[in-house]
């Protein structure tokens, strides 16, 4: 597998490419492949590391959270940047950033 041919590597600025290559090259080669449906993990932490290893290669980050279903604790893994809603764990005020033409840039 040619790591330097990946779209993530190609999109990185020049100053970040060597650090990204170093981080990806220490991962187990299987972690650069998409997770399989029946893949088993030793623990939640192992699963999160595996998903973030693949995410590093593909250009995204995974976060985890606890979910209670039928009185049983389960873990949920989601893309950090593309959830349904903004988490806003710190209670920051919402704001809308606009450019000079008054077009909406950011809506948080």
PDB file of N, CA and C in Angstrom:
ATOM      1  N   UNK A   1       0.849  -1.171   0.000  1.00  0.00           N
ATOM      2  CA  UNK A   1       0.000   0.000   0.000  1.00  0.00           C
ATOM      3  C   UNK A   1       0.903   1.245   0.000  1.00  0.00           C
ATOM      4  N   UNK A   2       0.657   2.122  -0.943  1.00  0.00           N
ATOM      5  CA  UNK A   2       1.441   3.349  -1.047  1.00  0.00           C
ATOM      6  C   UNK A   2       0.782   4.438  -0.197  1.00  0.00           C
ATOM      7  N   UNK A   3       1.314   4.650   0.983  1.00  0.00           N
ATOM      8  CA  UNK A   3       0.740   5.612   1.927  1.00  0.00           C
ATOM      9  C   UNK A   3       0.771   7.027   1.355  1.00  0.00           C
ATOM     10  N   UNK A   4       1.832   7.359   0.649  1.00  0.00           N
ATOM     11  CA  UNK A   4       1.963   8.714   0.124  1.00  0.00           C
ATOM     12  C   UNK A   4       0.997   9.019  -1.004  1.00  0.00           C
ATOM     13  N   UNK A   5       0.329   8.011  -1.537  1.00  0.00           N
ATOM     14  CA  UNK A   5      -0.669   8.223  -2.594  1.00  0.00           C
ATOM     15  C   UNK A   5      -2.058   8.485  -2.012  1.00  0.00           C
ATOM     16  N   UNK A   6      -2.191   8.399  -0.690  1.00  0.00           N
ATOM     17  CA  UNK A   6      -3.515   8.582  -0.095  1.00  0.00           C
ATOM     18  C   UNK A   6      -3.982  10.034  -0.246  1.00  0.00           C
ATOM     19  N   UNK A   7      -5.284  10.242  -0.411  1.00  0.00           N
ATOM     20  CA  UNK A   7      -5.812  11.612  -0.519  1.00  0.00           C
ATOM     21  C   UNK A   7      -5.516  12.465   0.714  1.00  0.00           C
ATOM     22  N   UNK A   8      -5.470  11.834   1.886  1.00  0.00           N
ATOM     23  CA  UNK A   8      -5.166  12.585   3.111  1.00  0.00           C
ATOM     24  C   UNK A   8      -3.760  13.168   3.044  1.00  0.00           C
ATOM     25  N   UNK A   9      -2.804  12.341   2.655  1.00  0.00           N
ATOM     26  CA  UNK A   9      -1.417  12.811   2.541  1.00  0.00           C
ATOM     27  C   UNK A   9      -1.323  13.923   1.499  1.00  0.00           C
ATOM     28  N   UNK A  10      -1.982  13.748   0.386  1.00  0.00           N
ATOM     29  CA  UNK A  10      -1.923  14.744  -0.687  1.00  0.00           C
ATOM     30  C   UNK A  10      -2.523  16.084  -0.254  1.00  0.00           C
ATOM     31  N   UNK A  11      -3.513  16.052   0.636  1.00  0.00           N
ATOM     32  CA  UNK A  11      -4.176  17.282   1.076  1.00  0.00           C
ATOM     33  C   UNK A  11      -3.422  18.019   2.181  1.00  0.00           C
ATOM     34  N   UNK A  12      -2.461  17.363   2.804  1.00  0.00           N
ATOM     35  CA  UNK A  12      -1.730  17.987   3.900  1.00  0.00           C
ATOM     36  C   UNK A  12      -0.775  19.068   3.400  1.00  0.00           C
ATOM     37  N   UNK A  13      -0.559  20.113   4.202  1.00  0.00           N
ATOM     38  CA  UNK A  13       0.474  21.087   3.857  1.00  0.00           C
ATOM     39  C   UNK A  13       1.849  20.420   3.981  1.00  0.00           C
ATOM     40  N   UNK A  14       2.812  20.907   3.257  1.00  0.00           N
ATOM     41  CA  UNK A  14       4.153  20.301   3.205  1.00  0.00           C
ATOM     42  C   UNK A  14       4.778  20.121   4.586  1.00  0.00           C
ATOM     43  N   UNK A  15       4.605  21.102   5.469  1.00  0.00           N
ATOM     44  CA  UNK A  15       5.252  21.021   6.788  1.00  0.00           C
ATOM     45  C   UNK A  15       4.668  19.917   7.668  1.00  0.00           C
ATOM     46  N   UNK A  16       3.474  19.407   7.355  1.00  0.00           N
ATOM     47  CA  UNK A  16       2.841  18.380   8.189  1.00  0.00           C
ATOM     48  C   UNK A  16       3.016  16.965   7.635  1.00  0.00           C
ATOM     49  N   UNK A  17       3.471  16.847   6.414  1.00  0.00           N
ATOM     50  CA  UNK A  17       3.531  15.535   5.770  1.00  0.00           C
ATOM     51  C   UNK A  17       4.482  14.561   6.461  1.00  0.00           C
ATOM     52  N   UNK A  18       5.635  15.004   6.890  1.00  0.00           N
ATOM     53  CA  UNK A  18       6.586  14.074   7.507  1.00  0.00           C
ATOM     54  C   UNK A  18       6.064  13.547   8.848  1.00  0.00           C
ATOM     55  N   UNK A  19       5.431  14.401   9.638  1.00  0.00           N
ATOM     56  CA  UNK A  19       4.870  13.958  10.921  1.00  0.00           C
ATOM     57  C   UNK A  19       3.720  12.975  10.694  1.00  0.00           C
ATOM     58  N   UNK A  20       2.886  13.240   9.689  1.00  0.00           N
ATOM     59  CA  UNK A  20       1.777  12.341   9.375  1.00  0.00           C
ATOM     60  C   UNK A  20       2.308  10.981   8.920  1.00  0.00           C
ATOM     61  N   UNK A  21       3.314  10.991   8.059  1.00  0.00           N
ATOM     62  CA  UNK A  21       3.903   9.729   7.592  1.00  0.00           C
ATOM     63  C   UNK A  21       4.473   8.924   8.751  1.00  0.00           C
ATOM     64  N   UNK A  22       5.168   9.598   9.648  1.00  0.00           N
ATOM     65  CA  UNK A  22       5.756   8.911  10.808  1.00  0.00           C
ATOM     66  C   UNK A  22       4.665   8.271  11.664  1.00  0.00           C
ATOM     67  N   UNK A  23       3.564   8.990  11.898  1.00  0.00           N
ATOM     68  CA  UNK A  23       2.475   8.472  12.719  1.00  0.00           C
ATOM     69  C   UNK A  23       1.761   7.301  12.044  1.00  0.00           C
ATOM     70  N   UNK A  24       1.546   7.382  10.745  1.00  0.00           N
ATOM     71  CA  UNK A  24       0.844   6.312  10.029  1.00  0.00           C
ATOM     72  C   UNK A  24       1.716   5.070   9.895  1.00  0.00           C
ATOM     73  N   UNK A  25       3.002   5.249   9.720  1.00  0.00           N
ATOM     74  CA  UNK A  25       3.893   4.095   9.534  1.00  0.00           C
ATOM     75  C   UNK A  25       4.059   3.237  10.787  1.00  0.00           C
ATOM     76  N   UNK A  26       3.796   3.777  11.966  1.00  0.00           N
ATOM     77  CA  UNK A  26       3.905   2.967  13.185  1.00  0.00           C
ATOM     78  C   UNK A  26       2.630   2.164  13.458  1.00  0.00           C
ATOM     79  N   UNK A  27       1.565   2.435  12.736  1.00  0.00           N
ATOM     80  CA  UNK A  27       0.320   1.691  12.924  1.00  0.00           C
ATOM     81  C   UNK A  27       0.443   0.298  12.320  1.00  0.00           C
ATOM     82  N   UNK A  28      -0.258  -0.674  12.889  1.00  0.00           N
ATOM     83  CA  UNK A  28      -0.301  -1.995  12.250  1.00  0.00           C
ATOM     84  C   UNK A  28      -0.911  -1.858  10.848  1.00  0.00           C
ATOM     85  N   UNK A  29      -0.359  -2.522   9.838  1.00  0.00           N
ATOM     86  CA  UNK A  29      -0.873  -2.382   8.465  1.00  0.00           C
ATOM     87  C   UNK A  29      -2.376  -2.667   8.338  1.00  0.00           C
ATOM     88  N   UNK A  30      -2.906  -3.580   9.138  1.00  0.00           N
ATOM     89  CA  UNK A  30      -4.340  -3.895   9.061  1.00  0.00           C
ATOM     90  C   UNK A  30      -5.210  -2.705   9.470  1.00  0.00           C
ATOM     91  N   UNK A  31      -4.655  -1.798  10.269  1.00  0.00           N
ATOM     92  CA  UNK A  31      -5.421  -0.640  10.710  1.00  0.00           C
ATOM     93  C   UNK A  31      -5.639   0.383   9.599  1.00  0.00           C
ATOM     94  N   UNK A  32      -4.933   0.256   8.499  1.00  0.00           N
ATOM     95  CA  UNK A  32      -5.117   1.180   7.382  1.00  0.00           C
ATOM     96  C   UNK A  32      -6.264   0.734   6.472  1.00  0.00           C
ATOM     97  N   UNK A  33      -6.805  -0.430   6.760  1.00  0.00           N
ATOM     98  CA  UNK A  33      -7.955  -0.952   6.014  1.00  0.00           C
ATOM     99  C   UNK A  33      -9.232  -0.632   6.777  1.00  0.00           C
ATOM    100  N   UNK A  34     -10.362  -0.509   6.075  1.00  0.00           N
ATOM    101  CA  UNK A  34     -11.619  -0.225   6.781  1.00  0.00           C
ATOM    102  C   UNK A  34     -11.952  -1.311   7.792  1.00  0.00           C
ATOM    103  N   UNK A  35     -12.545  -0.935   8.924  1.00  0.00           N
ATOM    104  CA  UNK A  35     -12.954  -1.943   9.907  1.00  0.00           C
ATOM    105  C   UNK A  35     -13.986  -2.897   9.302  1.00  0.00           C
ATOM    106  N   UNK A  36     -13.904  -4.159   9.685  1.00  0.00           N
ATOM    107  CA  UNK A  36     -14.851  -5.161   9.197  1.00  0.00           C
ATOM    108  C   UNK A  36     -16.053  -5.236  10.128  1.00  0.00           C
ATOM    109  N   UNK A  37     -17.173  -5.641   9.595  1.00  0.00           N
ATOM    110  CA  UNK A  37     -18.398  -5.744  10.384  1.00  0.00           C
ATOM    111  C   UNK A  37     -18.242  -6.672  11.576  1.00  0.00           C
ATOM    112  N   UNK A  38     -17.564  -7.790  11.400  1.00  0.00           N
ATOM    113  CA  UNK A  38     -17.435  -8.757  12.489  1.00  0.00           C
ATOM    114  C   UNK A  38     -16.122  -8.646  13.259  1.00  0.00           C
ATOM    115  N   UNK A  39     -15.440  -7.533  13.114  1.00  0.00           N
ATOM    116  CA  UNK A  39     -14.154  -7.341  13.800  1.00  0.00           C
ATOM    117  C   UNK A  39     -14.374  -7.254  15.311  1.00  0.00           C
ATOM    118  N   UNK A  40     -13.547  -7.948  16.070  1.00  0.00           N
ATOM    119  CA  UNK A  40     -13.653  -7.977  17.527  1.00  0.00           C
ATOM    120  C   UNK A  40     -12.506  -7.183  18.147  1.00  0.00           C
ATOM    121  N   UNK A  41     -12.787  -6.582  19.312  1.00  0.00           N
ATOM    122  CA  UNK A  41     -11.799  -5.767  20.000  1.00  0.00           C
ATOM    123  C   UNK A  41     -11.651  -6.224  21.441  1.00  0.00           C
ATOM    124  N   UNK A  42     -10.461  -6.025  21.981  1.00  0.00           N
ATOM    125  CA  UNK A  42     -10.179  -6.421  23.363  1.00  0.00           C
ATOM    126  C   UNK A  42     -10.906  -5.535  24.369  1.00  0.00           C
ATOM    127  N   UNK A  43     -11.068  -4.260  24.024  1.00  0.00           N
ATOM    128  CA  UNK A  43     -11.682  -3.302  24.950  1.00  0.00           C
ATOM    129  C   UNK A  43     -12.166  -2.094  24.159  1.00  0.00           C
ATOM    130  N   UNK A  44     -12.844  -1.196  24.867  1.00  0.00           N
ATOM    131  CA  UNK A  44     -13.296   0.057  24.243  1.00  0.00           C
ATOM    132  C   UNK A  44     -12.094   0.864  23.766  1.00  0.00           C
ATOM    133  N   UNK A  45     -11.046   0.924  24.599  1.00  0.00           N
ATOM    134  CA  UNK A  45      -9.854   1.684  24.232  1.00  0.00           C
ATOM    135  C   UNK A  45      -9.182   1.111  22.993  1.00  0.00           C
ATOM    136  N   UNK A  46      -9.117  -0.204  22.912  1.00  0.00           N
ATOM    137  CA  UNK A  46      -8.522  -0.847  21.738  1.00  0.00           C
ATOM    138  C   UNK A  46      -9.339  -0.524  20.487  1.00  0.00           C
ATOM    139  N   UNK A  47     -10.647  -0.556  20.616  1.00  0.00           N
ATOM    140  CA  UNK A  47     -11.519  -0.223  19.484  1.00  0.00           C
ATOM    141  C   UNK A  47     -11.312   1.229  19.055  1.00  0.00           C
ATOM    142  N   UNK A  48     -11.254   2.130  20.016  1.00  0.00           N
ATOM    143  CA  UNK A  48     -11.068   3.546  19.699  1.00  0.00           C
ATOM    144  C   UNK A  48      -9.716   3.782  19.030  1.00  0.00           C
ATOM    145  N   UNK A  49      -8.675   3.123  19.505  1.00  0.00           N
ATOM    146  CA  UNK A  49      -7.352   3.246  18.872  1.00  0.00           C
ATOM    147  C   UNK A  49      -7.381   2.731  17.442  1.00  0.00           C
ATOM    148  N   UNK A  50      -8.039   1.587  17.247  1.00  0.00           N
ATOM    149  CA  UNK A  50      -8.137   1.006  15.909  1.00  0.00           C
ATOM    150  C   UNK A  50      -8.884   1.946  14.957  1.00  0.00           C
ATOM    151  N   UNK A  51     -10.030   2.474  15.406  1.00  0.00           N
ATOM    152  CA  UNK A  51     -10.812   3.374  14.565  1.00  0.00           C
ATOM    153  C   UNK A  51     -10.067   4.675  14.283  1.00  0.00           C
ATOM    154  N   UNK A  52      -9.352   5.193  15.275  1.00  0.00           N
ATOM    155  CA  UNK A  52      -8.593   6.424  15.055  1.00  0.00           C
ATOM    156  C   UNK A  52      -7.351   6.187  14.207  1.00  0.00           C
ATOM    157  N   UNK A  53      -6.801   4.968  14.236  1.00  0.00           N
ATOM    158  CA  UNK A  53      -5.709   4.638  13.322  1.00  0.00           C
ATOM    159  C   UNK A  53      -6.179   4.700  11.882  1.00  0.00           C
ATOM    160  N   UNK A  54      -7.325   4.089  11.617  1.00  0.00           N
ATOM    161  CA  UNK A  54      -7.912   4.159  10.280  1.00  0.00           C
ATOM    162  C   UNK A  54      -8.302   5.602   9.952  1.00  0.00           C
ATOM    163  N   UNK A  55      -8.850   6.303  10.951  1.00  0.00           N
ATOM    164  CA  UNK A  55      -9.244   7.693  10.750  1.00  0.00           C
ATOM    165  C   UNK A  55      -8.060   8.596  10.428  1.00  0.00           C
ATOM    166  N   UNK A  56      -6.937   8.364  11.071  1.00  0.00           N
ATOM    167  CA  UNK A  56      -5.737   9.147  10.765  1.00  0.00           C
ATOM    168  C   UNK A  56      -5.354   8.968   9.302  1.00  0.00           C
ATOM    169  N   UNK A  57      -5.396   7.739   8.845  1.00  0.00           N
ATOM    170  CA  UNK A  57      -5.054   7.444   7.456  1.00  0.00           C
ATOM    171  C   UNK A  57      -6.057   8.071   6.487  1.00  0.00           C
ATOM    172  N   UNK A  58      -7.329   8.073   6.849  1.00  0.00           N
ATOM    173  CA  UNK A  58      -8.378   8.590   5.966  1.00  0.00           C
ATOM    174  C   UNK A  58      -8.721  10.059   6.189  1.00  0.00           C
ATOM    175  N   UNK A  59      -8.243  10.643   7.294  1.00  0.00           N
ATOM    176  CA  UNK A  59      -8.460  12.071   7.504  1.00  0.00           C
ATOM    177  C   UNK A  59      -9.649  12.433   8.379  1.00  0.00           C
ATOM    178  N   UNK A  60      -9.986  11.615   9.367  1.00  0.00           N
ATOM    179  CA  UNK A  60     -11.041  11.965  10.307  1.00  0.00           C
ATOM    180  C   UNK A  60     -10.673  11.427  11.686  1.00  0.00           C
ATOM    181  N   UNK A  61     -11.425  11.858  12.701  1.00  0.00           N
ATOM    182  CA  UNK A  61     -11.173  11.396  14.063  1.00  0.00           C
ATOM    183  C   UNK A  61     -12.468  10.858  14.663  1.00  0.00           C
ATOM    184  N   UNK A  62     -12.343   9.820  15.462  1.00  0.00           N
ATOM    185  CA  UNK A  62     -13.491   9.170  16.090  1.00  0.00           C
ATOM    186  C   UNK A  62     -13.472   9.491  17.580  1.00  0.00           C
ATOM    187  N   UNK A  63     -14.646   9.740  18.132  1.00  0.00           N
ATOM    188  CA  UNK A  63     -14.802   9.929  19.572  1.00  0.00           C
ATOM    189  C   UNK A  63     -15.790   8.884  20.067  1.00  0.00           C
ATOM    190  N   UNK A  64     -15.759   8.626  21.369  1.00  0.00           N
ATOM    191  CA  UNK A  64     -16.687   7.641  21.917  1.00  0.00           C
ATOM    192  C   UNK A  64     -17.487   8.250  23.050  1.00  0.00           C
ATOM    193  N   UNK A  65     -18.622   7.652  23.299  1.00  0.00           N
ATOM    194  CA  UNK A  65     -19.461   8.090  24.389  1.00  0.00           C
ATOM    195  C   UNK A  65     -20.283   6.932  24.901  1.00  0.00           C
ATOM    196  N   UNK A  66     -20.748   7.052  26.130  1.00  0.00           N
ATOM    197  CA  UNK A  66     -21.559   5.994  26.727  1.00  0.00           C
ATOM    198  C   UNK A  66     -23.019   6.162  26.319  1.00  0.00           C
ATOM    199  N   UNK A  67     -23.651   5.040  26.070  1.00  0.00           N
ATOM    200  CA  UNK A  67     -25.065   5.017  25.724  1.00  0.00           C
ATOM    201  C   UNK A  67     -25.718   3.913  26.538  1.00  0.00           C
ATOM    202  N   UNK A  68     -26.846   4.228  27.150  1.00  0.00           N
ATOM    203  CA  UNK A  68     -27.577   3.212  27.918  1.00  0.00           C
ATOM    204  C   UNK A  68     -28.720   2.701  27.057  1.00  0.00           C
ATOM    205  N   UNK A  69     -28.744   1.395  26.805  1.00  0.00           N
ATOM    206  CA  UNK A  69     -29.833   0.765  26.063  1.00  0.00           C
ATOM    207  C   UNK A  69     -30.319  -0.423  26.861  1.00  0.00           C
ATOM    208  N   UNK A  70     -31.598  -0.412  27.149  1.00  0.00           N
ATOM    209  CA  UNK A  70     -32.209  -1.507  27.892  1.00  0.00           C
ATOM    210  C   UNK A  70     -31.438  -1.802  29.177  1.00  0.00           C
ATOM    211  N   UNK A  71     -31.117  -0.740  29.909  1.00  0.00           N
ATOM    212  CA  UNK A  71     -30.410  -0.816  31.198  1.00  0.00           C
ATOM    213  C   UNK A  71     -29.019  -1.447  31.082  1.00  0.00           C
ATOM    214  N   UNK A  72     -28.434  -1.371  29.902  1.00  0.00           N
ATOM    215  CA  UNK A  72     -27.091  -1.923  29.704  1.00  0.00           C
ATOM    216  C   UNK A  72     -26.192  -0.841  29.100  1.00  0.00           C
ATOM    217  N   UNK A  73     -25.019  -0.687  29.673  1.00  0.00           N
ATOM    218  CA  UNK A  73     -24.069   0.293  29.174  1.00  0.00           C
ATOM    219  C   UNK A  73     -23.438  -0.203  27.877  1.00  0.00           C
ATOM    220  N   UNK A  74     -23.447   0.656  26.878  1.00  0.00           N
ATOM    221  CA  UNK A  74     -22.805   0.349  25.604  1.00  0.00           C
ATOM    222  C   UNK A  74     -21.989   1.563  25.192  1.00  0.00           C
ATOM    223  N   UNK A  75     -21.076   1.338  24.280  1.00  0.00           N
ATOM    224  CA  UNK A  75     -20.247   2.432  23.776  1.00  0.00           C
ATOM    225  C   UNK A  75     -20.648   2.747  22.356  1.00  0.00           C
ATOM    226  N   UNK A  76     -20.655   4.037  22.053  1.00  0.00           N
ATOM    227  CA  UNK A  76     -20.988   4.495  20.717  1.00  0.00           C
ATOM    228  C   UNK A  76     -19.780   5.237  20.167  1.00  0.00           C
ATOM    229  N   UNK A  77     -19.436   4.996  18.914  1.00  0.00           N
ATOM    230  CA  UNK A  77     -18.289   5.631  18.277  1.00  0.00           C
ATOM    231  C   UNK A  77     -18.787   6.477  17.113  1.00  0.00           C
ATOM    232  N   UNK A  78     -18.404   7.749  17.126  1.00  0.00           N
ATOM    233  CA  UNK A  78     -18.883   8.694  16.119  1.00  0.00           C
ATOM    234  C   UNK A  78     -17.727   9.512  15.559  1.00  0.00           C
ATOM    235  N   UNK A  79     -17.888   9.993  14.346  1.00  0.00           N
ATOM    236  CA  UNK A  79     -16.917  10.913  13.769  1.00  0.00           C
ATOM    237  C   UNK A  79     -16.972  12.211  14.567  1.00  0.00           C
ATOM    238  N   UNK A  80     -15.820  12.731  14.926  1.00  0.00           N
ATOM    239  CA  UNK A  80     -15.757  13.938  15.754  1.00  0.00           C
ATOM    240  C   UNK A  80     -16.353  15.158  15.056  1.00  0.00           C
ATOM    241  N   UNK A  81     -16.183  15.266  13.762  1.00  0.00           N
ATOM    242  CA  UNK A  81     -16.578  16.478  13.050  1.00  0.00           C
ATOM    243  C   UNK A  81     -17.983  16.426  12.445  1.00  0.00           C
ATOM    244  N   UNK A  82     -18.544  15.259  12.253  1.00  0.00           N
ATOM    245  CA  UNK A  82     -19.793  15.167  11.508  1.00  0.00           C
ATOM    246  C   UNK A  82     -20.899  14.479  12.303  1.00  0.00           C
ATOM    247  N   UNK A  83     -21.217  15.014  13.460  1.00  0.00           N
ATOM    248  CA  UNK A  83     -22.316  14.494  14.253  1.00  0.00           C
ATOM    249  C   UNK A  83     -23.619  15.171  13.845  1.00  0.00           C
ATOM    250  N   UNK A  84     -24.696  14.761  14.467  1.00  0.00           N
ATOM    251  CA  UNK A  84     -26.001  15.356  14.157  1.00  0.00           C
ATOM    252  C   UNK A  84     -26.119  16.761  14.728  1.00  0.00           C
ATOM    253  N   UNK A  85     -25.553  16.966  15.915  1.00  0.00           N
ATOM    254  CA  UNK A  85     -25.599  18.286  16.546  1.00  0.00           C
ATOM    255  C   UNK A  85     -24.243  18.579  17.179  1.00  0.00           C
ATOM    256  N   UNK A  86     -23.973  19.842  17.414  1.00  0.00           N
ATOM    257  CA  UNK A  86     -22.755  20.240  18.108  1.00  0.00           C
ATOM    258  C   UNK A  86     -22.908  19.912  19.585  1.00  0.00           C
ATOM    259  N   UNK A  87     -21.899  19.302  20.181  1.00  0.00           N
ATOM    260  CA  UNK A  87     -21.991  18.873  21.572  1.00  0.00           C
ATOM    261  C   UNK A  87     -22.077  20.064  22.534  1.00  0.00           C
ATOM    262  N   UNK A  88     -21.249  21.081  22.365  1.00  0.00           N
ATOM    263  CA  UNK A  88     -21.215  22.264  23.225  1.00  0.00           C
ATOM    264  C   UNK A  88     -21.168  21.889  24.705  1.00  0.00           C
ATOM    265  N   UNK A  89     -20.198  21.084  25.084  1.00  0.00           N
ATOM    266  CA  UNK A  89     -20.062  20.612  26.464  1.00  0.00           C
ATOM    267  C   UNK A  89     -19.743  21.729  27.444  1.00  0.00           C
ATOM    268  N   UNK A  90     -19.205  22.831  26.971  1.00  0.00           N
ATOM    269  CA  UNK A  90     -18.786  23.915  27.855  1.00  0.00           C
ATOM    270  C   UNK A  90     -19.786  25.068  27.899  1.00  0.00           C
ATOM    271  N   UNK A  91     -20.925  24.918  27.252  1.00  0.00           N
ATOM    272  CA  UNK A  91     -21.973  25.930  27.310  1.00  0.00           C
ATOM    273  C   UNK A  91     -21.603  27.242  26.645  1.00  0.00           C
ATOM    274  N   UNK A  92     -20.860  27.172  25.545  1.00  0.00           N
ATOM    275  CA  UNK A  92     -20.483  28.391  24.838  1.00  0.00           C
ATOM    276  C   UNK A  92     -21.708  29.003  24.158  1.00  0.00           C
ATOM    277  N   UNK A  93     -21.725  30.325  24.058  1.00  0.00           N
ATOM    278  CA  UNK A  93     -22.860  30.971  23.420  1.00  0.00           C
ATOM    279  C   UNK A  93     -22.827  30.705  21.909  1.00  0.00           C
ATOM    280  N   UNK A  94     -23.988  30.656  21.302  1.00  0.00           N
ATOM    281  CA  UNK A  94     -24.061  30.425  19.863  1.00  0.00           C
ATOM    282  C   UNK A  94     -23.727  31.719  19.130  1.00  0.00           C
ATOM    283  N   UNK A  95     -23.174  31.591  17.953  1.00  0.00           N
ATOM    284  CA  UNK A  95     -22.862  32.761  17.151  1.00  0.00           C
ATOM    285  C   UNK A  95     -22.916  32.398  15.675  1.00  0.00           C
ATOM    286  N   UNK A  96     -23.049  33.421  14.876  1.00  0.00           N
ATOM    287  CA  UNK A  96     -23.069  33.240  13.436  1.00  0.00           C
ATOM    288  C   UNK A  96     -22.043  34.184  12.834  1.00  0.00           C
ATOM    289  N   UNK A  97     -21.081  33.622  12.116  1.00  0.00           N
ATOM    290  CA  UNK A  97     -20.061  34.439  11.471  1.00  0.00           C
ATOM    291  C   UNK A  97     -20.473  34.677  10.022  1.00  0.00           C
ATOM    292  N   UNK A  98     -20.312  35.924   9.567  1.00  0.00           N
ATOM    293  CA  UNK A  98     -20.672  36.266   8.191  1.00  0.00           C
ATOM    294  C   UNK A  98     -19.505  36.972   7.525  1.00  0.00           C
ATOM    295  N   UNK A  99     -19.428  36.806   6.203  1.00  0.00           N
ATOM    296  CA  UNK A  99     -18.375  37.493   5.455  1.00  0.00           C
ATOM    297  C   UNK A  99     -18.819  38.923   5.129  1.00  0.00           C
ATOM    298  N   UNK A 100     -18.024  39.644   4.327  1.00  0.00           N
ATOM    299  CA  UNK A 100     -18.314  41.048   4.021  1.00  0.00           C
ATOM    300  C   UNK A 100     -19.621  41.236   3.257  1.00  0.00           C
ATOM    301  N   UNK A 101     -20.014  40.213   2.492  1.00  0.00           N
ATOM    302  CA  UNK A 101     -21.274  40.280   1.742  1.00  0.00           C
ATOM    303  C   UNK A 101     -22.455  39.792   2.571  1.00  0.00           C
ATOM    304  N   UNK A 102     -22.232  39.561   3.862  1.00  0.00           N
ATOM    305  CA  UNK A 102     -23.249  39.116   4.814  1.00  0.00           C
ATOM    306  C   UNK A 102     -23.728  37.689   4.565  1.00  0.00           C
ATOM    307  N   UNK A 103     -22.898  36.866   3.894  1.00  0.00           N
ATOM    308  CA  UNK A 103     -23.207  35.454   3.703  1.00  0.00           C
ATOM    309  C   UNK A 103     -22.779  34.680   4.937  1.00  0.00           C
ATOM    310  N   UNK A 104     -23.598  33.738   5.351  1.00  0.00           N
ATOM    311  CA  UNK A 104     -23.310  32.941   6.541  1.00  0.00           C
ATOM    312  C   UNK A 104     -22.112  32.026   6.287  1.00  0.00           C
ATOM    313  N   UNK A 105     -21.095  32.117   7.170  1.00  0.00           N
ATOM    314  CA  UNK A 105     -19.901  31.266   7.072  1.00  0.00           C
ATOM    315  C   UNK A 105     -19.987  30.153   8.109  1.00  0.00           C
ATOM    316  N   UNK A 106     -20.277  30.524   9.353  1.00  0.00           N
ATOM    317  CA  UNK A 106     -20.327  29.561  10.460  1.00  0.00           C
ATOM    318  C   UNK A 106     -21.614  29.789  11.234  1.00  0.00           C
ATOM    319  N   UNK A 107     -22.265  28.705  11.540  1.00  0.00           N
ATOM    320  CA  UNK A 107     -23.473  28.782  12.362  1.00  0.00           C
ATOM    321  C   UNK A 107     -23.311  27.791  13.494  1.00  0.00           C
ATOM    322  N   UNK A 108     -22.900  28.288  14.661  1.00  0.00           N
ATOM    323  CA  UNK A 108     -22.682  27.417  15.827  1.00  0.00           C
ATOM    324  C   UNK A 108     -23.595  27.808  16.951  1.00  0.00           C
TER     325      UNK A 108
END
